[in-house]
Amino acid sequence: NPQTNDFDSYLPEGIFRYFPFTVMFEDSHNNMWY
């Protein structure tokens, strides 16, 4: 968050926190991959 120079938690509804995240990607259609 550049306004506060801090970090906000980000987790879209539909993703579970059971396993650690390793990589994030945005495709040419603006779909996000986790």
PDB file of all heavy atoms in Angstrom:
ATOM      1  N   ASN A   1       0.855  -1.180   0.000  1.00  0.00           N
ATOM      2  CA  ASN A   1       0.000   0.000   0.000  1.00  0.00           C
ATOM      3  C   ASN A   1       0.898   1.239   0.000  1.00  0.00           C
ATOM      4  O   ASN A   1       1.471   1.598   1.030  1.00  0.00           O
ATOM      5  CB  ASN A   1      -0.899   0.001   1.243  1.00  0.00           C
ATOM      6  CG  ASN A   1      -1.920   1.121   1.226  1.00  0.00           C
ATOM      7  OD1 ASN A   1      -1.693   2.173   0.651  1.00  0.00           O
ATOM      8  ND2 ASN A   1      -3.050   0.886   1.873  1.00  0.00           N
ATOM      9  N   PRO A   2       1.060   1.918  -1.136  1.00  0.00           N
ATOM     10  CA  PRO A   2       1.975   3.061  -1.198  1.00  0.00           C
ATOM     11  C   PRO A   2       1.503   4.250  -0.367  1.00  0.00           C
ATOM     12  O   PRO A   2       2.319   5.087   0.039  1.00  0.00           O
ATOM     13  CB  PRO A   2       2.017   3.403  -2.695  1.00  0.00           C
ATOM     14  CG  PRO A   2       0.764   2.828  -3.252  1.00  0.00           C
ATOM     15  CD  PRO A   2       0.458   1.613  -2.449  1.00  0.00           C
ATOM     16  N   GLN A   3       0.191   4.344  -0.084  1.00  0.00           N
ATOM     17  CA  GLN A   3      -0.320   5.457   0.714  1.00  0.00           C
ATOM     18  C   GLN A   3       0.143   5.352   2.169  1.00  0.00           C
ATOM     19  O   GLN A   3       0.455   6.360   2.813  1.00  0.00           O
ATOM     20  CB  GLN A   3      -1.854   5.502   0.674  1.00  0.00           C
ATOM     21  CG  GLN A   3      -2.423   6.155  -0.571  1.00  0.00           C
ATOM     22  CD  GLN A   3      -2.238   5.293  -1.813  1.00  0.00           C
ATOM     23  OE1 GLN A   3      -2.461   4.087  -1.768  1.00  0.00           O
ATOM     24  NE2 GLN A   3      -1.839   5.914  -2.915  1.00  0.00           N
ATOM     25  N   THR A   4       0.199   4.129   2.693  1.00  0.00           N
ATOM     26  CA  THR A   4       0.603   3.939   4.086  1.00  0.00           C
ATOM     27  C   THR A   4       2.025   3.400   4.207  1.00  0.00           C
ATOM     28  O   THR A   4       2.535   3.270   5.314  1.00  0.00           O
ATOM     29  CB  THR A   4      -0.353   2.949   4.776  1.00  0.00           C
ATOM     30  OG1 THR A   4      -0.273   1.669   4.110  1.00  0.00           O
ATOM     31  CG2 THR A   4      -1.789   3.454   4.727  1.00  0.00           C
ATOM     32  N   ASN A   5       2.641   3.076   3.054  1.00  0.00           N
ATOM     33  CA  ASN A   5       3.964   2.436   3.042  1.00  0.00           C
ATOM     34  C   ASN A   5       3.951   1.178   3.902  1.00  0.00           C
ATOM     35  O   ASN A   5       4.869   0.922   4.683  1.00  0.00           O
ATOM     36  CB  ASN A   5       5.049   3.404   3.521  1.00  0.00           C
ATOM     37  CG  ASN A   5       6.450   2.889   3.202  1.00  0.00           C
ATOM     38  OD1 ASN A   5       6.668   2.220   2.185  1.00  0.00           O
ATOM     39  ND2 ASN A   5       7.402   3.182   4.068  1.00  0.00           N
ATOM     40  N   ASP A   6       2.892   0.408   3.737  1.00  0.00           N
ATOM     41  CA  ASP A   6       2.712  -0.815   4.523  1.00  0.00           C
ATOM     42  C   ASP A   6       2.108  -1.882   3.614  1.00  0.00           C
ATOM     43  O   ASP A   6       1.957  -1.673   2.409  1.00  0.00           O
ATOM     44  CB  ASP A   6       1.815  -0.540   5.728  1.00  0.00           C
ATOM     45  CG  ASP A   6       2.188  -1.358   6.941  1.00  0.00           C
ATOM     46  OD1 ASP A   6       2.676  -2.504   6.752  1.00  0.00           O
ATOM     47  OD2 ASP A   6       1.991  -0.887   8.076  1.00  0.00           O
ATOM     48  N   PHE A   7       1.720  -3.007   4.194  1.00  0.00           N
ATOM     49  CA  PHE A   7       1.248  -4.135   3.413  1.00  0.00           C
ATOM     50  C   PHE A   7      -0.106  -4.606   3.933  1.00  0.00           C
ATOM     51  O   PHE A   7      -0.286  -4.803   5.129  1.00  0.00           O
ATOM     52  CB  PHE A   7       2.262  -5.284   3.480  1.00  0.00           C
ATOM     53  CG  PHE A   7       3.614  -4.905   2.966  1.00  0.00           C
ATOM     54  CD1 PHE A   7       4.540  -4.288   3.800  1.00  0.00           C
ATOM     55  CD2 PHE A   7       3.954  -5.114   1.639  1.00  0.00           C
ATOM     56  CE1 PHE A   7       5.781  -3.914   3.327  1.00  0.00           C
ATOM     57  CE2 PHE A   7       5.192  -4.741   1.158  1.00  0.00           C
ATOM     58  CZ  PHE A   7       6.117  -4.130   2.003  1.00  0.00           C
ATOM     59  N   ASP A   8      -1.046  -4.770   3.004  1.00  0.00           N
ATOM     60  CA  ASP A   8      -2.383  -5.233   3.352  1.00  0.00           C
ATOM     61  C   ASP A   8      -2.544  -6.695   2.952  1.00  0.00           C
ATOM     62  O   ASP A   8      -2.026  -7.120   1.911  1.00  0.00           O
ATOM     63  CB  ASP A   8      -3.451  -4.405   2.626  1.00  0.00           C
ATOM     64  CG  ASP A   8      -3.349  -2.923   2.951  1.00  0.00           C
ATOM     65  OD1 ASP A   8      -3.050  -2.599   4.113  1.00  0.00           O
ATOM     66  OD2 ASP A   8      -3.573  -2.099   2.030  1.00  0.00           O
ATOM     67  N   SER A   9      -3.271  -7.431   3.752  1.00  0.00           N
ATOM     68  CA  SER A   9      -3.540  -8.828   3.419  1.00  0.00           C
ATOM     69  C   SER A   9      -4.443  -8.891   2.203  1.00  0.00           C
ATOM     70  O   SER A   9      -5.404  -8.126   2.072  1.00  0.00           O
ATOM     71  CB  SER A   9      -4.200  -9.528   4.606  1.00  0.00           C
ATOM     72  OG  SER A   9      -4.347 -10.909   4.356  1.00  0.00           O
ATOM     73  N   TYR A  10      -4.116  -9.797   1.283  1.00  0.00           N
ATOM     74  CA  TYR A  10      -4.878  -9.911   0.031  1.00  0.00           C
ATOM     75  C   TYR A  10      -5.189 -11.384  -0.190  1.00  0.00           C
ATOM     76  O   TYR A  10      -4.284 -12.201  -0.379  1.00  0.00           O
ATOM     77  CB  TYR A  10      -4.065  -9.363  -1.136  1.00  0.00           C
ATOM     78  CG  TYR A  10      -4.635  -9.658  -2.503  1.00  0.00           C
ATOM     79  CD1 TYR A  10      -5.596  -8.836  -3.065  1.00  0.00           C
ATOM     80  CD2 TYR A  10      -4.214 -10.775  -3.229  1.00  0.00           C
ATOM     81  CE1 TYR A  10      -6.127  -9.105  -4.317  1.00  0.00           C
ATOM     82  CE2 TYR A  10      -4.735 -11.047  -4.484  1.00  0.00           C
ATOM     83  CZ  TYR A  10      -5.693 -10.213  -5.028  1.00  0.00           C
ATOM     84  OH  TYR A  10      -6.214 -10.495  -6.260  1.00  0.00           O
ATOM     85  N   LEU A  11      -6.450 -11.735  -0.151  1.00  0.00           N
ATOM     86  CA  LEU A  11      -6.837 -13.122  -0.412  1.00  0.00           C
ATOM     87  C   LEU A  11      -8.255 -13.141  -0.967  1.00  0.00           C
ATOM     88  O   LEU A  11      -9.222 -13.041  -0.212  1.00  0.00           O
ATOM     89  CB  LEU A  11      -6.749 -13.967   0.857  1.00  0.00           C
ATOM     90  CG  LEU A  11      -6.695 -15.481   0.618  1.00  0.00           C
ATOM     91  CD1 LEU A  11      -5.404 -15.863  -0.107  1.00  0.00           C
ATOM     92  CD2 LEU A  11      -6.780 -16.242   1.909  1.00  0.00           C
ATOM     93  N   PRO A  12      -8.405 -13.230  -2.292  1.00  0.00           N
ATOM     94  CA  PRO A  12      -9.743 -13.224  -2.895  1.00  0.00           C
ATOM     95  C   PRO A  12     -10.607 -14.372  -2.370  1.00  0.00           C
ATOM     96  O   PRO A  12     -10.109 -15.454  -2.078  1.00  0.00           O
ATOM     97  CB  PRO A  12      -9.453 -13.396  -4.392  1.00  0.00           C
ATOM     98  CG  PRO A  12      -8.040 -12.979  -4.563  1.00  0.00           C
ATOM     99  CD  PRO A  12      -7.346 -13.355  -3.288  1.00  0.00           C
ATOM    100  N   GLU A  13     -11.881 -14.102  -2.251  1.00  0.00           N
ATOM    101  CA  GLU A  13     -12.817 -15.139  -1.799  1.00  0.00           C
ATOM    102  C   GLU A  13     -12.833 -16.280  -2.820  1.00  0.00           C
ATOM    103  O   GLU A  13     -12.984 -16.055  -4.014  1.00  0.00           O
ATOM    104  CB  GLU A  13     -14.218 -14.550  -1.647  1.00  0.00           C
ATOM    105  CG  GLU A  13     -15.228 -15.515  -1.070  1.00  0.00           C
ATOM    106  CD  GLU A  13     -16.580 -14.867  -0.833  1.00  0.00           C
ATOM    107  OE1 GLU A  13     -16.686 -13.636  -1.005  1.00  0.00           O
ATOM    108  OE2 GLU A  13     -17.522 -15.591  -0.487  1.00  0.00           O
ATOM    109  N   GLY A  14     -12.662 -17.483  -2.333  1.00  0.00           N
ATOM    110  CA  GLY A  14     -12.618 -18.644  -3.211  1.00  0.00           C
ATOM    111  C   GLY A  14     -11.290 -19.361  -3.179  1.00  0.00           C
ATOM    112  O   GLY A  14     -11.160 -20.465  -3.702  1.00  0.00           O
ATOM    113  N   ILE A  15     -10.276 -18.716  -2.560  1.00  0.00           N
ATOM    114  CA  ILE A  15      -8.981 -19.353  -2.378  1.00  0.00           C
ATOM    115  C   ILE A  15      -8.847 -19.756  -0.908  1.00  0.00           C
ATOM    116  O   ILE A  15      -9.197 -18.995  -0.011  1.00  0.00           O
ATOM    117  CB  ILE A  15      -7.825 -18.402  -2.756  1.00  0.00           C
ATOM    118  CG1 ILE A  15      -7.782 -18.193  -4.253  1.00  0.00           C
ATOM    119  CG2 ILE A  15      -6.491 -18.939  -2.294  1.00  0.00           C
ATOM    120  CD1 ILE A  15      -6.590 -17.402  -4.723  1.00  0.00           C
ATOM    121  N   PHE A  16      -8.337 -20.947  -0.676  1.00  0.00           N
ATOM    122  CA  PHE A  16      -8.169 -21.441   0.682  1.00  0.00           C
ATOM    123  C   PHE A  16      -6.710 -21.316   1.124  1.00  0.00           C
ATOM    124  O   PHE A  16      -5.784 -21.388   0.317  1.00  0.00           O
ATOM    125  CB  PHE A  16      -8.622 -22.900   0.767  1.00  0.00           C
ATOM    126  CG  PHE A  16     -10.056 -23.093   0.366  1.00  0.00           C
ATOM    127  CD1 PHE A  16     -10.380 -23.598  -0.887  1.00  0.00           C
ATOM    128  CD2 PHE A  16     -11.080 -22.738   1.234  1.00  0.00           C
ATOM    129  CE1 PHE A  16     -11.705 -23.756  -1.268  1.00  0.00           C
ATOM    130  CE2 PHE A  16     -12.404 -22.891   0.861  1.00  0.00           C
ATOM    131  CZ  PHE A  16     -12.715 -23.403  -0.392  1.00  0.00           C
ATOM    132  N   ARG A  17      -6.484 -21.155   2.403  1.00  0.00           N
ATOM    133  CA  ARG A  17      -5.148 -20.964   2.954  1.00  0.00           C
ATOM    134  C   ARG A  17      -4.550 -22.258   3.488  1.00  0.00           C
ATOM    135  O   ARG A  17      -3.746 -22.232   4.404  1.00  0.00           O
ATOM    136  CB  ARG A  17      -5.195 -19.946   4.091  1.00  0.00           C
ATOM    137  CG  ARG A  17      -5.646 -18.571   3.688  1.00  0.00           C
ATOM    138  CD  ARG A  17      -5.375 -17.589   4.796  1.00  0.00           C
ATOM    139  NE  ARG A  17      -5.985 -16.293   4.528  1.00  0.00           N
ATOM    140  CZ  ARG A  17      -5.608 -15.179   5.104  1.00  0.00           C
ATOM    141  NH1 ARG A  17      -4.632 -15.176   5.969  1.00  0.00           N
ATOM    142  NH2 ARG A  17      -6.211 -14.045   4.829  1.00  0.00           N
ATOM    143  N   TYR A  18      -4.918 -23.369   2.926  1.00  0.00           N
ATOM    144  CA  TYR A  18      -4.420 -24.639   3.433  1.00  0.00           C
ATOM    145  C   TYR A  18      -2.966 -24.897   3.034  1.00  0.00           C
ATOM    146  O   TYR A  18      -2.247 -25.619   3.723  1.00  0.00           O
ATOM    147  CB  TYR A  18      -5.292 -25.789   2.927  1.00  0.00           C
ATOM    148  CG  TYR A  18      -6.746 -25.704   3.336  1.00  0.00           C
ATOM    149  CD1 TYR A  18      -7.757 -26.074   2.455  1.00  0.00           C
ATOM    150  CD2 TYR A  18      -7.108 -25.240   4.600  1.00  0.00           C
ATOM    151  CE1 TYR A  18      -9.094 -25.999   2.828  1.00  0.00           C
ATOM    152  CE2 TYR A  18      -8.439 -25.164   4.969  1.00  0.00           C
ATOM    153  CZ  TYR A  18      -9.427 -25.544   4.084  1.00  0.00           C
ATOM    154  OH  TYR A  18     -10.745 -25.461   4.448  1.00  0.00           O
ATOM    155  N   PHE A  19      -2.536 -24.337   1.919  1.00  0.00           N
ATOM    156  CA  PHE A  19      -1.197 -24.604   1.399  1.00  0.00           C
ATOM    157  C   PHE A  19      -0.484 -23.281   1.089  1.00  0.00           C
ATOM    158  O   PHE A  19      -1.103 -22.342   0.596  1.00  0.00           O
ATOM    159  CB  PHE A  19      -1.272 -25.461   0.129  1.00  0.00           C
ATOM    160  CG  PHE A  19      -1.933 -26.788   0.327  1.00  0.00           C
ATOM    161  CD1 PHE A  19      -3.297 -26.949   0.101  1.00  0.00           C
ATOM    162  CD2 PHE A  19      -1.200 -27.882   0.753  1.00  0.00           C
ATOM    163  CE1 PHE A  19      -3.907 -28.178   0.279  1.00  0.00           C
ATOM    164  CE2 PHE A  19      -1.801 -29.117   0.942  1.00  0.00           C
ATOM    165  CZ  PHE A  19      -3.159 -29.264   0.707  1.00  0.00           C
ATOM    166  N   PRO A  20       0.825 -23.219   1.331  1.00  0.00           N
ATOM    167  CA  PRO A  20       1.567 -21.974   1.048  1.00  0.00           C
ATOM    168  C   PRO A  20       1.527 -21.614  -0.431  1.00  0.00           C
ATOM    169  O   PRO A  20       1.558 -22.485  -1.302  1.00  0.00           O
ATOM    170  CB  PRO A  20       2.993 -22.316   1.495  1.00  0.00           C
ATOM    171  CG  PRO A  20       2.850 -23.438   2.462  1.00  0.00           C
ATOM    172  CD  PRO A  20       1.673 -24.229   1.984  1.00  0.00           C
ATOM    173  N   PHE A  21       1.492 -20.319  -0.706  1.00  0.00           N
ATOM    174  CA  PHE A  21       1.518 -19.830  -2.077  1.00  0.00           C
ATOM    175  C   PHE A  21       2.968 -19.738  -2.563  1.00  0.00           C
ATOM    176  O   PHE A  21       3.864 -19.340  -1.821  1.00  0.00           O
ATOM    177  CB  PHE A  21       0.855 -18.459  -2.175  1.00  0.00           C
ATOM    178  CG  PHE A  21      -0.604 -18.481  -1.853  1.00  0.00           C
ATOM    179  CD1 PHE A  21      -1.065 -18.092  -0.601  1.00  0.00           C
ATOM    180  CD2 PHE A  21      -1.526 -18.911  -2.791  1.00  0.00           C
ATOM    181  CE1 PHE A  21      -2.420 -18.122  -0.300  1.00  0.00           C
ATOM    182  CE2 PHE A  21      -2.885 -18.957  -2.505  1.00  0.00           C
ATOM    183  CZ  PHE A  21      -3.331 -18.563  -1.243  1.00  0.00           C
ATOM    184  N   THR A  22       3.192 -20.125  -3.813  1.00  0.00           N
ATOM    185  CA  THR A  22       4.541 -20.152  -4.364  1.00  0.00           C
ATOM    186  C   THR A  22       4.740 -19.200  -5.536  1.00  0.00           C
ATOM    187  O   THR A  22       5.844 -18.696  -5.742  1.00  0.00           O
ATOM    188  CB  THR A  22       4.890 -21.576  -4.850  1.00  0.00           C
ATOM    189  OG1 THR A  22       3.858 -22.015  -5.758  1.00  0.00           O
ATOM    190  CG2 THR A  22       4.988 -22.541  -3.677  1.00  0.00           C
ATOM    191  N   VAL A  23       3.693 -18.950  -6.314  1.00  0.00           N
ATOM    192  CA  VAL A  23       3.850 -18.115  -7.504  1.00  0.00           C
ATOM    193  C   VAL A  23       2.493 -17.507  -7.869  1.00  0.00           C
ATOM    194  O   VAL A  23       1.438 -18.101  -7.625  1.00  0.00           O
ATOM    195  CB  VAL A  23       4.412 -18.945  -8.686  1.00  0.00           C
ATOM    196  CG1 VAL A  23       3.482 -20.072  -9.068  1.00  0.00           C
ATOM    197  CG2 VAL A  23       4.710 -18.066  -9.880  1.00  0.00           C
ATOM    198  N   MET A  24       2.549 -16.306  -8.456  1.00  0.00           N
ATOM    199  CA  MET A  24       1.353 -15.579  -8.864  1.00  0.00           C
ATOM    200  C   MET A  24       1.595 -15.062 -10.278  1.00  0.00           C
ATOM    201  O   MET A  24       2.703 -14.634 -10.615  1.00  0.00           O
ATOM    202  CB  MET A  24       1.123 -14.432  -7.880  1.00  0.00           C
ATOM    203  CG  MET A  24      -0.183 -13.710  -7.996  1.00  0.00           C
ATOM    204  SD  MET A  24      -0.350 -12.577  -6.567  1.00  0.00           S
ATOM    205  CE  MET A  24      -1.744 -11.596  -7.138  1.00  0.00           C
ATOM    206  N   PHE A  25       0.551 -15.084 -11.117  1.00  0.00           N
ATOM    207  CA  PHE A  25       0.728 -14.701 -12.516  1.00  0.00           C
ATOM    208  C   PHE A  25      -0.571 -14.105 -13.048  1.00  0.00           C
ATOM    209  O   PHE A  25      -1.669 -14.542 -12.685  1.00  0.00           O
ATOM    210  CB  PHE A  25       1.118 -15.930 -13.348  1.00  0.00           C
ATOM    211  CG  PHE A  25       1.272 -15.659 -14.817  1.00  0.00           C
ATOM    212  CD1 PHE A  25       2.389 -15.002 -15.298  1.00  0.00           C
ATOM    213  CD2 PHE A  25       0.291 -16.049 -15.720  1.00  0.00           C
ATOM    214  CE1 PHE A  25       2.533 -14.735 -16.659  1.00  0.00           C
ATOM    215  CE2 PHE A  25       0.421 -15.792 -17.078  1.00  0.00           C
ATOM    216  CZ  PHE A  25       1.550 -15.135 -17.544  1.00  0.00           C
ATOM    217  N   GLU A  26      -0.440 -13.108 -13.936  1.00  0.00           N
ATOM    218  CA  GLU A  26      -1.594 -12.508 -14.613  1.00  0.00           C
ATOM    219  C   GLU A  26      -1.469 -12.743 -16.104  1.00  0.00           C
ATOM    220  O   GLU A  26      -0.449 -12.411 -16.709  1.00  0.00           O
ATOM    221  CB  GLU A  26      -1.650 -11.012 -14.321  1.00  0.00           C
ATOM    222  CG  GLU A  26      -2.842 -10.311 -14.956  1.00  0.00           C
ATOM    223  CD  GLU A  26      -2.872  -8.818 -14.632  1.00  0.00           C
ATOM    224  OE1 GLU A  26      -1.858  -8.298 -14.118  1.00  0.00           O
ATOM    225  OE2 GLU A  26      -3.901  -8.182 -14.918  1.00  0.00           O
ATOM    226  N   ASP A  27      -2.509 -13.331 -16.710  1.00  0.00           N
ATOM    227  CA  ASP A  27      -2.420 -13.615 -18.138  1.00  0.00           C
ATOM    228  C   ASP A  27      -2.924 -12.424 -18.969  1.00  0.00           C
ATOM    229  O   ASP A  27      -3.299 -11.381 -18.439  1.00  0.00           O
ATOM    230  CB  ASP A  27      -3.147 -14.919 -18.484  1.00  0.00           C
ATOM    231  CG  ASP A  27      -4.661 -14.866 -18.291  1.00  0.00           C
ATOM    232  OD1 ASP A  27      -5.253 -13.769 -18.358  1.00  0.00           O
ATOM    233  OD2 ASP A  27      -5.267 -15.943 -18.082  1.00  0.00           O
ATOM    234  N   SER A  28      -2.930 -12.586 -20.286  1.00  0.00           N
ATOM    235  CA  SER A  28      -3.272 -11.492 -21.197  1.00  0.00           C
ATOM    236  C   SER A  28      -4.747 -11.106 -21.142  1.00  0.00           C
ATOM    237  O   SER A  28      -5.142 -10.067 -21.679  1.00  0.00           O
ATOM    238  CB  SER A  28      -2.896 -11.878 -22.636  1.00  0.00           C
ATOM    239  OG  SER A  28      -3.563 -13.066 -23.022  1.00  0.00           O
ATOM    240  N   HIS A  29      -5.575 -11.936 -20.499  1.00  0.00           N
ATOM    241  CA  HIS A  29      -6.992 -11.621 -20.330  1.00  0.00           C
ATOM    242  C   HIS A  29      -7.283 -11.081 -18.934  1.00  0.00           C
ATOM    243  O   HIS A  29      -8.447 -11.000 -18.532  1.00  0.00           O
ATOM    244  CB  HIS A  29      -7.841 -12.871 -20.593  1.00  0.00           C
ATOM    245  CG  HIS A  29      -7.686 -13.424 -21.977  1.00  0.00           C
ATOM    246  ND1 HIS A  29      -8.165 -12.788 -23.108  1.00  0.00           N
ATOM    247  CD2 HIS A  29      -7.088 -14.563 -22.420  1.00  0.00           C
ATOM    248  CE1 HIS A  29      -7.877 -13.510 -24.182  1.00  0.00           C
ATOM    249  NE2 HIS A  29      -7.221 -14.590 -23.800  1.00  0.00           N
ATOM    250  N   ASN A  30      -6.229 -10.751 -18.199  1.00  0.00           N
ATOM    251  CA  ASN A  30      -6.313 -10.238 -16.827  1.00  0.00           C
ATOM    252  C   ASN A  30      -6.818 -11.272 -15.825  1.00  0.00           C
ATOM    253  O   ASN A  30      -7.234 -10.919 -14.714  1.00  0.00           O
ATOM    254  CB  ASN A  30      -7.193  -8.983 -16.750  1.00  0.00           C
ATOM    255  CG  ASN A  30      -6.655  -7.847 -17.594  1.00  0.00           C
ATOM    256  OD1 ASN A  30      -7.323  -7.392 -18.531  1.00  0.00           O
ATOM    257  ND2 ASN A  30      -5.456  -7.400 -17.297  1.00  0.00           N
ATOM    258  N   ASN A  31      -6.778 -12.537 -16.212  1.00  0.00           N
ATOM    259  CA  ASN A  31      -7.067 -13.590 -15.247  1.00  0.00           C
ATOM    260  C   ASN A  31      -5.843 -13.777 -14.354  1.00  0.00           C
ATOM    261  O   ASN A  31      -4.703 -13.696 -14.807  1.00  0.00           O
ATOM    262  CB  ASN A  31      -7.377 -14.912 -15.954  1.00  0.00           C
ATOM    263  CG  ASN A  31      -8.551 -14.800 -16.890  1.00  0.00           C
ATOM    264  OD1 ASN A  31      -9.581 -14.235 -16.549  1.00  0.00           O
ATOM    265  ND2 ASN A  31      -8.406 -15.330 -18.094  1.00  0.00           N
ATOM    266  N   MET A  32      -6.082 -14.039 -13.079  1.00  0.00           N
ATOM    267  CA  MET A  32      -4.997 -14.231 -12.123  1.00  0.00           C
ATOM    268  C   MET A  32      -4.843 -15.725 -11.817  1.00  0.00           C
ATOM    269  O   MET A  32      -5.828 -16.441 -11.634  1.00  0.00           O
ATOM    270  CB  MET A  32      -5.266 -13.467 -10.830  1.00  0.00           C
ATOM    271  CG  MET A  32      -5.427 -11.967 -11.014  1.00  0.00           C
ATOM    272  SD  MET A  32      -3.964 -11.140 -11.686  1.00  0.00           S
ATOM    273  CE  MET A  32      -2.815 -11.381 -10.334  1.00  0.00           C
ATOM    274  N   TRP A  33      -3.576 -16.159 -11.747  1.00  0.00           N
ATOM    275  CA  TRP A  33      -3.248 -17.551 -11.450  1.00  0.00           C
ATOM    276  C   TRP A  33      -2.424 -17.595 -10.168  1.00  0.00           C
ATOM    277  O   TRP A  33      -1.512 -16.782  -9.980  1.00  0.00           O
ATOM    278  CB  TRP A  33      -2.455 -18.166 -12.594  1.00  0.00           C
ATOM    279  CG  TRP A  33      -3.192 -18.214 -13.901  1.00  0.00           C
ATOM    280  CD1 TRP A  33      -3.410 -17.166 -14.750  1.00  0.00           C
ATOM    281  CD2 TRP A  33      -3.803 -19.347 -14.514  1.00  0.00           C
ATOM    282  NE1 TRP A  33      -4.114 -17.580 -15.862  1.00  0.00           N
ATOM    283  CE2 TRP A  33      -4.371 -18.927 -15.736  1.00  0.00           C
ATOM    284  CE3 TRP A  33      -3.917 -20.699 -14.150  1.00  0.00           C
ATOM    285  CZ2 TRP A  33      -5.041 -19.780 -16.594  1.00  0.00           C
ATOM    286  CZ3 TRP A  33      -4.580 -21.559 -14.999  1.00  0.00           C
ATOM    287  CH2 TRP A  33      -5.142 -21.111 -16.200  1.00  0.00           C
ATOM    288  N   TYR A  34      -2.756 -18.564  -9.291  1.00  0.00           N
ATOM    289  CA  TYR A  34      -2.078 -18.690  -8.010  1.00  0.00           C
ATOM    290  C   TYR A  34      -1.589 -20.134  -7.853  1.00  0.00           C
ATOM    291  O   TYR A  34      -2.396 -21.069  -7.777  1.00  0.00           O
ATOM    292  CB  TYR A  34      -3.026 -18.353  -6.859  1.00  0.00           C
ATOM    293  CG  TYR A  34      -3.680 -16.997  -6.967  1.00  0.00           C
ATOM    294  CD1 TYR A  34      -4.868 -16.836  -7.700  1.00  0.00           C
ATOM    295  CD2 TYR A  34      -3.132 -15.884  -6.354  1.00  0.00           C
ATOM    296  CE1 TYR A  34      -5.473 -15.598  -7.807  1.00  0.00           C
ATOM    297  CE2 TYR A  34      -3.741 -14.630  -6.455  1.00  0.00           C
ATOM    298  CZ  TYR A  34      -4.907 -14.499  -7.179  1.00  0.00           C
ATOM    299  OH  TYR A  34      -5.514 -13.267  -7.290  1.00  0.00           O
TER     300      TYR A  34
END
